[in-house]
Amino acid sequence: MKVMWCITGAGCLLEESFNVVEELKRRSSVKVTTALTRAGEEVVRIYGLQDRLRHISPGSYYEELLTERSEGASGYRMGRLARGLYDLLFVSPASANTVAKLVAGIADTIATNAVAQAVKGGVRVFIVPVDQEEVVETPLPTFVDRELCVGCKPCKAEESCRYGAVKWVEGKAWVDLALCHGCQACVEACPMGAVKSRVRVKVRARRVDLENVERLKGMEGVKVLRSPAQLLKELSARLPR
């Protein structure tokens, strides 16, 4: 089985999506090509999932890591989907921005282009939008709780970060997510417990995002899944137990 997996710029359901794709590879001889939007590249780095992704798509044929830089504006290898060379396309997590573009017929990112080409090629498309309930829970990337930070000098968290992501603002530490690789060394190093990661918070979905998900459900050739784990149920007849 050959699968293309698209990752967009959402932290919500990101690790759950990784778990499902890893389980898919464990249970069958599936090859996974991973395609990342620019925002998808960022969230994979910020949440420290690069190594896991390299194991999923190590770079061999049909197991490449594709980015918007590698594929160019025309999305070179998205043509594989139009030719029906994959068994399925899995877009998870699908950000609100990606869903909005899909329902508007816009195909200007690697993920939205992949969906357009897959539908043209008759490839099954499974999408997991992050905004399916009025209130959703999402994990935060690494951050400093400034109420707990006492401005230690030297700062153990700063010293522990080999990427230079821990900086100073007004006498307290701050994590620059543009540099963060989600390794959590700073979380472990801070003696005050001020540096935190993967704290789950509840956020409210916009009405327009919920409406777009409903529109997505009516799109030709697309099946909306409630969660990443539902993909395994959809494919259960084809996977060994």
C-alpha atoms as a PDB file:
ATOM      1  CA  MET A   1       0.000   0.000   0.000  1.00  0.00           C
ATOM      2  CA  LYS A   2       1.237   3.496  -0.851  1.00  0.00           C
ATOM      3  CA  VAL A   3      -0.007   6.442   1.228  1.00  0.00           C
ATOM      4  CA  MET A   4       0.581  10.170   0.973  1.00  0.00           C
ATOM      5  CA  TRP A   5       0.249  11.953   4.311  1.00  0.00           C
ATOM      6  CA  CYS A   6      -0.148  15.737   4.387  1.00  0.00           C
ATOM      7  CA  ILE A   7       0.656  17.720   7.532  1.00  0.00           C
ATOM      8  CA  THR A   8      -0.606  21.289   7.828  1.00  0.00           C
ATOM      9  CA  GLY A   9       0.060  23.976  10.417  1.00  0.00           C
ATOM     10  CA  ALA A  10      -1.939  22.750  13.405  1.00  0.00           C
ATOM     11  CA  GLY A  11      -0.619  21.470  16.735  1.00  0.00           C
ATOM     12  CA  CYS A  12      -4.033  20.069  17.619  1.00  0.00           C
ATOM     13  CA  LEU A  13      -4.198  16.334  16.722  1.00  0.00           C
ATOM     14  CA  LEU A  14      -0.615  16.437  15.443  1.00  0.00           C
ATOM     15  CA  GLU A  15       0.860  13.811  17.749  1.00  0.00           C
ATOM     16  CA  GLU A  16      -2.279  11.673  17.417  1.00  0.00           C
ATOM     17  CA  SER A  17      -1.753  11.757  13.648  1.00  0.00           C
ATOM     18  CA  PHE A  18       1.849  10.619  14.074  1.00  0.00           C
ATOM     19  CA  ASN A  19       0.696   7.753  16.286  1.00  0.00           C
ATOM     20  CA  VAL A  20      -1.766   6.542  13.657  1.00  0.00           C
ATOM     21  CA  VAL A  21       0.687   6.694  10.759  1.00  0.00           C
ATOM     22  CA  GLU A  22       3.325   4.872  12.805  1.00  0.00           C
ATOM     23  CA  GLU A  23       0.767   2.199  13.687  1.00  0.00           C
ATOM     24  CA  LEU A  24      -0.191   1.924  10.028  1.00  0.00           C
ATOM     25  CA  LYS A  25       3.434   1.267   9.107  1.00  0.00           C
ATOM     26  CA  ARG A  26       3.862  -1.196  11.975  1.00  0.00           C
ATOM     27  CA  ARG A  27       0.841  -3.266  10.961  1.00  0.00           C
ATOM     28  CA  SER A  28       1.457  -3.449   7.215  1.00  0.00           C
ATOM     29  CA  SER A  29       4.051  -3.004   4.471  1.00  0.00           C
ATOM     30  CA  VAL A  30       2.774   0.482   3.690  1.00  0.00           C
ATOM     31  CA  LYS A  31       5.031   3.135   2.185  1.00  0.00           C
ATOM     32  CA  VAL A  32       4.342   6.677   3.345  1.00  0.00           C
ATOM     33  CA  THR A  33       5.261   9.823   1.435  1.00  0.00           C
ATOM     34  CA  THR A  34       4.908  12.814   3.765  1.00  0.00           C
ATOM     35  CA  ALA A  35       4.072  16.238   2.361  1.00  0.00           C
ATOM     36  CA  LEU A  36       4.383  19.287   4.607  1.00  0.00           C
ATOM     37  CA  THR A  37       3.020  22.753   4.072  1.00  0.00           C
ATOM     38  CA  ARG A  38       5.307  25.576   5.175  1.00  0.00           C
ATOM     39  CA  ALA A  39       3.309  25.847   8.406  1.00  0.00           C
ATOM     40  CA  GLY A  40       3.394  22.053   8.724  1.00  0.00           C
ATOM     41  CA  GLU A  41       7.190  22.109   8.659  1.00  0.00           C
ATOM     42  CA  GLU A  42       7.139  24.648  11.477  1.00  0.00           C
ATOM     43  CA  VAL A  43       4.796  22.741  13.776  1.00  0.00           C
ATOM     44  CA  VAL A  44       6.699  19.473  13.296  1.00  0.00           C
ATOM     45  CA  ARG A  45       9.876  21.276  14.382  1.00  0.00           C
ATOM     46  CA  ILE A  46       8.251  23.188  17.241  1.00  0.00           C
ATOM     47  CA  TYR A  47       6.758  20.016  18.709  1.00  0.00           C
ATOM     48  CA  GLY A  48      10.038  18.098  18.345  1.00  0.00           C
ATOM     49  CA  LEU A  49       8.735  15.467  15.932  1.00  0.00           C
ATOM     50  CA  GLN A  50      11.413  15.630  13.242  1.00  0.00           C
ATOM     51  CA  ASP A  51      13.113  12.341  14.175  1.00  0.00           C
ATOM     52  CA  ARG A  52       9.832  10.452  14.216  1.00  0.00           C
ATOM     53  CA  LEU A  53       8.982  11.880  10.809  1.00  0.00           C
ATOM     54  CA  ARG A  54      12.315  10.751   9.354  1.00  0.00           C
ATOM     55  CA  HIS A  55      11.526   7.202  10.465  1.00  0.00           C
ATOM     56  CA  ILE A  56       8.107   7.360   8.823  1.00  0.00           C
ATOM     57  CA  SER A  57       9.453   8.761   5.547  1.00  0.00           C
ATOM     58  CA  PRO A  58      13.180   7.950   5.421  1.00  0.00           C
ATOM     59  CA  GLY A  59      13.656   9.245   1.885  1.00  0.00           C
ATOM     60  CA  SER A  60      13.488   6.181  -0.361  1.00  0.00           C
ATOM     61  CA  TYR A  61      11.177   6.035  -3.383  1.00  0.00           C
ATOM     62  CA  TYR A  62       7.569   6.671  -2.310  1.00  0.00           C
ATOM     63  CA  GLU A  63       8.891   7.380   1.199  1.00  0.00           C
ATOM     64  CA  GLU A  64      10.086  10.915   0.571  1.00  0.00           C
ATOM     65  CA  LEU A  65       9.635  14.029   2.677  1.00  0.00           C
ATOM     66  CA  LEU A  66       8.102  16.628   0.382  1.00  0.00           C
ATOM     67  CA  THR A  67       7.930  20.336   1.143  1.00  0.00           C
ATOM     68  CA  GLU A  68       6.673  23.341  -0.737  1.00  0.00           C
ATOM     69  CA  ARG A  69      10.290  24.253  -1.472  1.00  0.00           C
ATOM     70  CA  SER A  70      11.151  20.819  -2.864  1.00  0.00           C
ATOM     71  CA  GLU A  71       8.007  20.603  -4.999  1.00  0.00           C
ATOM     72  CA  GLY A  72       7.980  24.099  -6.436  1.00  0.00           C
ATOM     73  CA  ALA A  73       4.890  26.163  -7.204  1.00  0.00           C
ATOM     74  CA  SER A  74       3.439  23.470  -9.459  1.00  0.00           C
ATOM     75  CA  GLY A  75       3.840  20.634  -6.923  1.00  0.00           C
ATOM     76  CA  TYR A  76       5.866  18.275  -9.097  1.00  0.00           C
ATOM     77  CA  ARG A  77       5.201  14.990  -7.314  1.00  0.00           C
ATOM     78  CA  MET A  78       1.557  15.758  -6.618  1.00  0.00           C
ATOM     79  CA  GLY A  79       1.085  14.499 -10.149  1.00  0.00           C
ATOM     80  CA  ARG A  80       1.459  10.986  -8.765  1.00  0.00           C
ATOM     81  CA  LEU A  81      -1.940  11.427  -7.142  1.00  0.00           C
ATOM     82  CA  ALA A  82      -3.574  12.527 -10.386  1.00  0.00           C
ATOM     83  CA  ARG A  83      -2.147   9.386 -12.005  1.00  0.00           C
ATOM     84  CA  GLY A  84      -3.661   7.214  -9.273  1.00  0.00           C
ATOM     85  CA  LEU A  85      -0.297   5.954  -8.022  1.00  0.00           C
ATOM     86  CA  TYR A  86      -1.267   6.122  -4.326  1.00  0.00           C
ATOM     87  CA  ASP A  87      -3.898   4.075  -2.540  1.00  0.00           C
ATOM     88  CA  LEU A  88      -4.988   6.965  -0.354  1.00  0.00           C
ATOM     89  CA  LEU A  89      -4.291  10.520   0.736  1.00  0.00           C
ATOM     90  CA  PHE A  90      -4.448  11.292   4.461  1.00  0.00           C
ATOM     91  CA  VAL A  91      -4.575  14.968   5.497  1.00  0.00           C
ATOM     92  CA  SER A  92      -4.200  15.158   9.264  1.00  0.00           C
ATOM     93  CA  PRO A  93      -4.287  17.462  11.049  1.00  0.00           C
ATOM     94  CA  ALA A  94      -6.055  19.771   8.608  1.00  0.00           C
ATOM     95  CA  SER A  95      -5.927  23.361   9.823  1.00  0.00           C
ATOM     96  CA  ALA A  96      -8.859  25.747   9.500  1.00  0.00           C
ATOM     97  CA  ASN A  97      -6.911  27.592   6.798  1.00  0.00           C
ATOM     98  CA  THR A  98      -6.494  24.403   4.756  1.00  0.00           C
ATOM     99  CA  VAL A  99     -10.165  23.476   5.104  1.00  0.00           C
ATOM    100  CA  ALA A 100     -11.254  26.976   4.054  1.00  0.00           C
ATOM    101  CA  LYS A 101      -9.132  26.780   0.917  1.00  0.00           C
ATOM    102  CA  LEU A 102     -10.399  23.312   0.059  1.00  0.00           C
ATOM    103  CA  VAL A 103     -14.067  24.289   0.195  1.00  0.00           C
ATOM    104  CA  ALA A 104     -13.314  27.399  -1.861  1.00  0.00           C
ATOM    105  CA  GLY A 105     -11.595  25.288  -4.525  1.00  0.00           C
ATOM    106  CA  ILE A 106      -8.185  26.859  -3.908  1.00  0.00           C
ATOM    107  CA  ALA A 107      -5.157  24.611  -4.488  1.00  0.00           C
ATOM    108  CA  ASP A 108      -2.163  26.821  -3.724  1.00  0.00           C
ATOM    109  CA  THR A 109      -0.391  24.790  -1.013  1.00  0.00           C
ATOM    110  CA  ILE A 110       1.110  21.327  -1.098  1.00  0.00           C
ATOM    111  CA  ALA A 111      -1.851  19.985   0.909  1.00  0.00           C
ATOM    112  CA  THR A 112      -4.665  21.627  -1.037  1.00  0.00           C
ATOM    113  CA  ASN A 113      -2.976  20.728  -4.329  1.00  0.00           C
ATOM    114  CA  ALA A 114      -2.639  17.125  -3.124  1.00  0.00           C
ATOM    115  CA  VAL A 115      -6.380  16.923  -2.436  1.00  0.00           C
ATOM    116  CA  ALA A 116      -7.237  18.409  -5.831  1.00  0.00           C
ATOM    117  CA  GLN A 117      -4.937  15.976  -7.641  1.00  0.00           C
ATOM    118  CA  ALA A 118      -6.125  12.979  -5.618  1.00  0.00           C
ATOM    119  CA  VAL A 119      -9.776  13.656  -6.439  1.00  0.00           C
ATOM    120  CA  LYS A 120      -8.866  13.984 -10.123  1.00  0.00           C
ATOM    121  CA  GLY A 121      -7.010  10.673  -9.970  1.00  0.00           C
ATOM    122  CA  GLY A 122      -9.689   8.783  -8.078  1.00  0.00           C
ATOM    123  CA  VAL A 123      -7.479   8.345  -5.003  1.00  0.00           C
ATOM    124  CA  ARG A 124      -9.376   8.042  -1.724  1.00  0.00           C
ATOM    125  CA  VAL A 125      -9.025  11.166   0.421  1.00  0.00           C
ATOM    126  CA  PHE A 126      -9.382  11.136   4.210  1.00  0.00           C
ATOM    127  CA  ILE A 127      -9.217  14.461   6.058  1.00  0.00           C
ATOM    128  CA  VAL A 128      -9.174  15.187   9.796  1.00  0.00           C
ATOM    129  CA  PRO A 129     -10.064  18.859  10.417  1.00  0.00           C
ATOM    130  CA  VAL A 130      -9.059  20.251  13.799  1.00  0.00           C
ATOM    131  CA  ASP A 131     -12.215  22.346  14.217  1.00  0.00           C
ATOM    132  CA  GLN A 132     -15.113  19.903  14.488  1.00  0.00           C
ATOM    133  CA  GLU A 133     -16.490  20.974  17.872  1.00  0.00           C
ATOM    134  CA  GLU A 134     -17.291  24.383  19.319  1.00  0.00           C
ATOM    135  CA  VAL A 135     -14.599  23.826  21.936  1.00  0.00           C
ATOM    136  CA  VAL A 136     -11.451  21.847  21.144  1.00  0.00           C
ATOM    137  CA  GLU A 137      -8.422  21.004  23.242  1.00  0.00           C
ATOM    138  CA  THR A 138      -4.957  21.646  21.873  1.00  0.00           C
ATOM    139  CA  PRO A 139      -1.420  21.269  23.265  1.00  0.00           C
ATOM    140  CA  LEU A 140       0.743  24.380  23.506  1.00  0.00           C
ATOM    141  CA  PRO A 141       4.330  24.379  22.277  1.00  0.00           C
ATOM    142  CA  THR A 142       7.130  25.173  24.734  1.00  0.00           C
ATOM    143  CA  PHE A 143       6.689  28.446  26.608  1.00  0.00           C
ATOM    144  CA  VAL A 144       7.766  30.229  29.793  1.00  0.00           C
ATOM    145  CA  ASP A 145       5.240  30.878  32.551  1.00  0.00           C
ATOM    146  CA  ARG A 146       6.374  34.356  33.467  1.00  0.00           C
ATOM    147  CA  GLU A 147       4.632  34.202  36.830  1.00  0.00           C
ATOM    148  CA  LEU A 148       6.903  31.306  37.816  1.00  0.00           C
ATOM    149  CA  CYS A 149      10.073  32.626  36.189  1.00  0.00           C
ATOM    150  CA  VAL A 150      12.238  34.495  38.715  1.00  0.00           C
ATOM    151  CA  GLY A 151      14.909  35.577  36.239  1.00  0.00           C
ATOM    152  CA  CYS A 152      17.696  33.288  37.449  1.00  0.00           C
ATOM    153  CA  LYS A 153      21.180  34.228  36.287  1.00  0.00           C
ATOM    154  CA  PRO A 154      22.746  32.170  34.941  1.00  0.00           C
ATOM    155  CA  CYS A 155      19.572  30.687  33.461  1.00  0.00           C
ATOM    156  CA  LYS A 156      19.704  26.889  33.363  1.00  0.00           C
ATOM    157  CA  ALA A 157      17.037  26.785  30.651  1.00  0.00           C
ATOM    158  CA  GLU A 158      18.986  29.196  28.470  1.00  0.00           C
ATOM    159  CA  GLU A 159      22.209  27.239  28.945  1.00  0.00           C
ATOM    160  CA  SER A 160      20.506  23.960  28.054  1.00  0.00           C
ATOM    161  CA  CYS A 161      19.157  25.125  24.676  1.00  0.00           C
ATOM    162  CA  ARG A 162      21.581  24.351  21.847  1.00  0.00           C
ATOM    163  CA  TYR A 163      19.366  26.199  19.365  1.00  0.00           C
ATOM    164  CA  GLY A 164      19.462  29.566  21.124  1.00  0.00           C
ATOM    165  CA  ALA A 165      15.674  29.589  21.471  1.00  0.00           C
ATOM    166  CA  VAL A 166      15.573  30.688  25.127  1.00  0.00           C
ATOM    167  CA  LYS A 167      15.997  34.457  25.259  1.00  0.00           C
ATOM    168  CA  TRP A 168      15.366  37.331  27.658  1.00  0.00           C
ATOM    169  CA  VAL A 169      12.623  39.933  27.712  1.00  0.00           C
ATOM    170  CA  GLU A 170      12.426  42.418  30.577  1.00  0.00           C
ATOM    171  CA  GLY A 171      14.483  40.288  32.939  1.00  0.00           C
ATOM    172  CA  LYS A 172      12.712  36.978  32.356  1.00  0.00           C
ATOM    173  CA  ALA A 173      13.130  34.046  30.013  1.00  0.00           C
ATOM    174  CA  TRP A 174      11.163  33.675  26.784  1.00  0.00           C
ATOM    175  CA  VAL A 175      11.051  30.916  24.159  1.00  0.00           C
ATOM    176  CA  ASP A 176      11.484  32.042  20.557  1.00  0.00           C
ATOM    177  CA  LEU A 177       9.425  29.490  18.609  1.00  0.00           C
ATOM    178  CA  ALA A 178      11.135  30.512  15.375  1.00  0.00           C
ATOM    179  CA  LEU A 179      14.227  28.752  16.759  1.00  0.00           C
ATOM    180  CA  CYS A 180      12.680  26.110  19.034  1.00  0.00           C
ATOM    181  CA  HIS A 181      13.076  22.428  18.096  1.00  0.00           C
ATOM    182  CA  GLY A 182      10.782  21.078  20.800  1.00  0.00           C
ATOM    183  CA  CYS A 183      13.543  19.032  22.476  1.00  0.00           C
ATOM    184  CA  GLN A 184      12.293  20.101  25.930  1.00  0.00           C
ATOM    185  CA  ALA A 185      15.822  20.359  27.330  1.00  0.00           C
ATOM    186  CA  CYS A 186      14.832  23.745  28.763  1.00  0.00           C
ATOM    187  CA  VAL A 187      11.763  22.214  30.425  1.00  0.00           C
ATOM    188  CA  GLU A 188      13.943  19.699  32.238  1.00  0.00           C
ATOM    189  CA  ALA A 189      16.640  22.242  33.105  1.00  0.00           C
ATOM    190  CA  CYS A 190      14.525  24.986  34.696  1.00  0.00           C
ATOM    191  CA  PRO A 191      14.714  24.589  38.516  1.00  0.00           C
ATOM    192  CA  MET A 192      11.576  26.685  39.007  1.00  0.00           C
ATOM    193  CA  GLY A 193       9.383  24.644  36.654  1.00  0.00           C
ATOM    194  CA  ALA A 194       8.686  27.842  34.738  1.00  0.00           C
ATOM    195  CA  VAL A 195       9.329  26.364  31.280  1.00  0.00           C
ATOM    196  CA  LYS A 196       6.449  24.202  30.141  1.00  0.00           C
ATOM    197  CA  SER A 197       5.501  22.202  27.062  1.00  0.00           C
ATOM    198  CA  ARG A 198       2.445  20.380  25.724  1.00  0.00           C
ATOM    199  CA  VAL A 199       0.148  22.063  28.253  1.00  0.00           C
ATOM    200  CA  ARG A 200      -3.364  21.422  26.964  1.00  0.00           C
ATOM    201  CA  VAL A 201      -5.751  24.346  26.683  1.00  0.00           C
ATOM    202  CA  LYS A 202      -9.308  24.672  25.438  1.00  0.00           C
ATOM    203  CA  VAL A 203     -10.011  27.011  22.525  1.00  0.00           C
ATOM    204  CA  ARG A 204     -13.259  27.969  20.851  1.00  0.00           C
ATOM    205  CA  ALA A 205     -13.648  27.322  17.132  1.00  0.00           C
ATOM    206  CA  ARG A 206     -14.975  30.121  14.954  1.00  0.00           C
ATOM    207  CA  ARG A 207     -18.410  29.630  13.437  1.00  0.00           C
ATOM    208  CA  VAL A 208     -17.001  30.019   9.927  1.00  0.00           C
ATOM    209  CA  ASP A 209     -14.524  27.196  10.573  1.00  0.00           C
ATOM    210  CA  LEU A 210     -17.278  24.852  11.779  1.00  0.00           C
ATOM    211  CA  GLU A 211     -19.366  25.755   8.732  1.00  0.00           C
ATOM    212  CA  ASN A 212     -16.438  25.051   6.423  1.00  0.00           C
ATOM    213  CA  VAL A 213     -16.016  21.582   7.900  1.00  0.00           C
ATOM    214  CA  GLU A 214     -19.684  20.878   7.137  1.00  0.00           C
ATOM    215  CA  ARG A 215     -19.119  22.047   3.563  1.00  0.00           C
ATOM    216  CA  LEU A 216     -16.051  19.844   3.318  1.00  0.00           C
ATOM    217  CA  LYS A 217     -18.162  16.811   4.198  1.00  0.00           C
ATOM    218  CA  GLY A 218     -20.151  17.366   1.027  1.00  0.00           C
ATOM    219  CA  MET A 219     -17.150  17.589  -1.283  1.00  0.00           C
ATOM    220  CA  GLU A 220     -16.736  15.005  -4.006  1.00  0.00           C
ATOM    221  CA  GLY A 221     -14.148  12.308  -3.305  1.00  0.00           C
ATOM    222  CA  VAL A 222     -13.479  13.416   0.280  1.00  0.00           C
ATOM    223  CA  LYS A 223     -14.279  11.664   3.557  1.00  0.00           C
ATOM    224  CA  VAL A 224     -14.029  13.669   6.774  1.00  0.00           C
ATOM    225  CA  LEU A 225     -12.875  11.675   9.802  1.00  0.00           C
ATOM    226  CA  ARG A 226     -13.646  12.605  13.394  1.00  0.00           C
ATOM    227  CA  SER A 227     -10.154  11.663  14.573  1.00  0.00           C
ATOM    228  CA  PRO A 228      -6.876  10.334  13.171  1.00  0.00           C
ATOM    229  CA  ALA A 229      -7.555   6.928  14.760  1.00  0.00           C
ATOM    230  CA  GLN A 230     -10.623   6.519  12.564  1.00  0.00           C
ATOM    231  CA  LEU A 231      -8.292   5.942   9.605  1.00  0.00           C
ATOM    232  CA  LEU A 232      -7.293   2.561  11.037  1.00  0.00           C
ATOM    233  CA  LYS A 233     -10.960   1.579  11.260  1.00  0.00           C
ATOM    234  CA  GLU A 234     -11.526   2.639   7.656  1.00  0.00           C
ATOM    235  CA  LEU A 235      -8.644   0.436   6.554  1.00  0.00           C
ATOM    236  CA  SER A 236      -9.226  -2.444   8.990  1.00  0.00           C
ATOM    237  CA  ALA A 237     -10.222  -4.903   6.257  1.00  0.00           C
ATOM    238  CA  ARG A 238      -6.904  -4.342   4.501  1.00  0.00           C
ATOM    239  CA  LEU A 239      -4.600  -4.427   7.524  1.00  0.00           C
ATOM    240  CA  PRO A 240      -3.326  -7.477   9.444  1.00  0.00           C
ATOM    241  CA  ARG A 241      -4.420  -7.744  13.063  1.00  0.00           C
END
